[in-house]
Structure formats: structure tokens, C-alpha cells
């Protein structure tokens, strides 16, 4: 049932992830730097996540699902014109 823990964690983090993506894109609106922005976002989220002493899930297990969610958020923002290319 670990998948339920992952789903709940991603959904709980989603509002913060959406905001973080917007902030990062606003601060660094350079096209073609998606990999660097994703790496920065991972570092930021991982640093915060690792300060939680009672986490039931390691960040390494959470990251693949979180990375997919970030990709979906960025794709939606790009397709709706939220992020200007």
C-alpha cells in the first residue's frame, strides 16, 4: 500500500509544487533550461523534505512521482500560455 502513501504525499505537496514552479519560472524565465530548473526544484524540495524527522517515505521513493507531477504542471502551464516561451 505504499503507492497510497506516495499518492497522498504528491497531492499534499501539489499546491506548494505549483507555487514553486511559478516562482522558479518567474525568477528564471529563460527558455530551454527545463532540466536545470527541475534540478533546482528537486534540490529545494529535497532539502525541505529531509528536515522532516518523521517522514514515512524516503525522498528517493517519492521523487519519481513528484517529478512526473512537476512535468504535468509545467506542460499544462506551457500549453495554456502561463509560461511565455
Protein backbone atom coordinates (compact mmCIF):
# COMPACT_ATOMS: atom_id res chain seq x y z
CA UNK A 1 0.00 0.00 0.00
CA UNK A 2 3.00 2.28 -0.32
CA UNK A 3 1.54 3.64 -3.53
CA UNK A 4 -1.26 5.24 -1.48
CA UNK A 5 1.33 6.99 0.67
CA UNK A 6 3.03 8.28 -2.47
CA UNK A 7 -0.25 9.47 -4.00
CA UNK A 8 -1.23 11.26 -0.79
CA UNK A 9 2.20 12.85 -0.47
CA UNK A 10 2.16 14.12 -4.07
CA UNK A 11 -1.35 15.52 -3.67
CA UNK A 12 -0.42 17.16 -0.37
CA UNK A 13 2.67 18.74 -1.93
CA UNK A 14 0.96 19.75 -5.18
CA UNK A 15 -0.08 23.29 -4.16
CA UNK A 16 3.44 24.03 -2.96
CA UNK A 17 4.93 22.45 -6.08
CA UNK A 18 2.72 24.56 -8.37
CA UNK A 19 3.75 27.70 -6.50
CA UNK A 20 7.42 26.70 -6.55
CA UNK A 21 7.30 26.08 -10.30
CA UNK A 22 5.74 29.53 -10.84
CA UNK A 23 8.30 31.23 -8.61
CA UNK A 24 11.21 29.46 -10.29
CA UNK A 25 9.90 30.25 -13.76
CA UNK A 26 9.31 33.87 -12.78
CA UNK A 27 12.81 34.21 -11.38
CA UNK A 28 14.46 32.42 -14.32
CA UNK A 29 12.26 32.92 -17.41
CA UNK A 30 14.89 31.55 -19.77
CA UNK A 31 13.64 29.02 -22.33
CA UNK A 32 15.48 25.75 -22.80
CA UNK A 33 16.57 25.46 -19.18
CA UNK A 34 13.96 22.95 -18.04
CA UNK A 35 16.49 20.39 -16.83
CA UNK A 36 18.34 22.97 -14.74
CA UNK A 37 15.08 24.30 -13.30
CA UNK A 38 13.94 20.77 -12.47
CA UNK A 39 17.27 20.05 -10.75
CA UNK A 40 16.95 23.25 -8.71
CA UNK A 41 13.38 22.40 -7.78
CA UNK A 42 14.43 18.91 -6.73
CA UNK A 43 17.20 20.31 -4.53
CA UNK A 44 14.85 22.78 -2.89
CA UNK A 45 12.10 20.24 -2.22
CA UNK A 46 14.55 17.56 -1.10
CA UNK A 47 16.23 19.91 1.36
CA UNK A 48 12.89 20.79 2.92
CA UNK A 49 11.63 17.20 2.86
CA UNK A 50 14.74 15.85 4.54
CA UNK A 51 14.23 18.15 7.53
CA UNK A 52 11.10 16.18 8.45
CA UNK A 53 12.12 13.70 11.10
CA UNK A 54 9.01 11.52 10.95
CA UNK A 55 8.66 11.07 7.19
CA UNK A 56 7.26 7.63 6.42
CA UNK A 57 8.63 7.68 2.90
CA UNK A 58 12.13 8.41 1.66
CA UNK A 59 12.55 11.25 -0.78
CA UNK A 60 14.14 8.85 -3.28
CA UNK A 61 10.92 6.83 -3.38
CA UNK A 62 8.76 9.94 -3.64
CA UNK A 63 10.80 11.77 -6.29
CA UNK A 64 9.75 9.81 -9.42
CA UNK A 65 6.06 10.52 -8.78
CA UNK A 66 6.80 14.10 -7.79
CA UNK A 67 8.92 14.59 -10.91
CA UNK A 68 6.03 13.36 -13.06
CA UNK A 69 3.65 15.74 -11.29
CA UNK A 70 6.06 18.63 -11.88
CA UNK A 71 6.26 17.67 -15.55
CA UNK A 72 2.47 17.69 -15.79
CA UNK A 73 2.28 21.12 -14.12
CA UNK A 74 4.92 22.56 -16.45
CA UNK A 75 3.25 21.04 -19.52
CA UNK A 76 -0.09 22.50 -18.51
CA UNK A 77 1.45 25.90 -17.85
CA UNK A 78 3.19 25.83 -21.23
CA UNK A 79 0.11 24.69 -23.15
CA UNK A 80 -2.15 27.29 -21.55
CA UNK A 81 0.33 30.10 -22.12
CA UNK A 82 1.07 30.71 -18.45
CA UNK A 83 4.77 30.45 -19.21
CA UNK A 84 5.82 32.51 -22.20
CA UNK A 85 8.40 30.92 -24.45
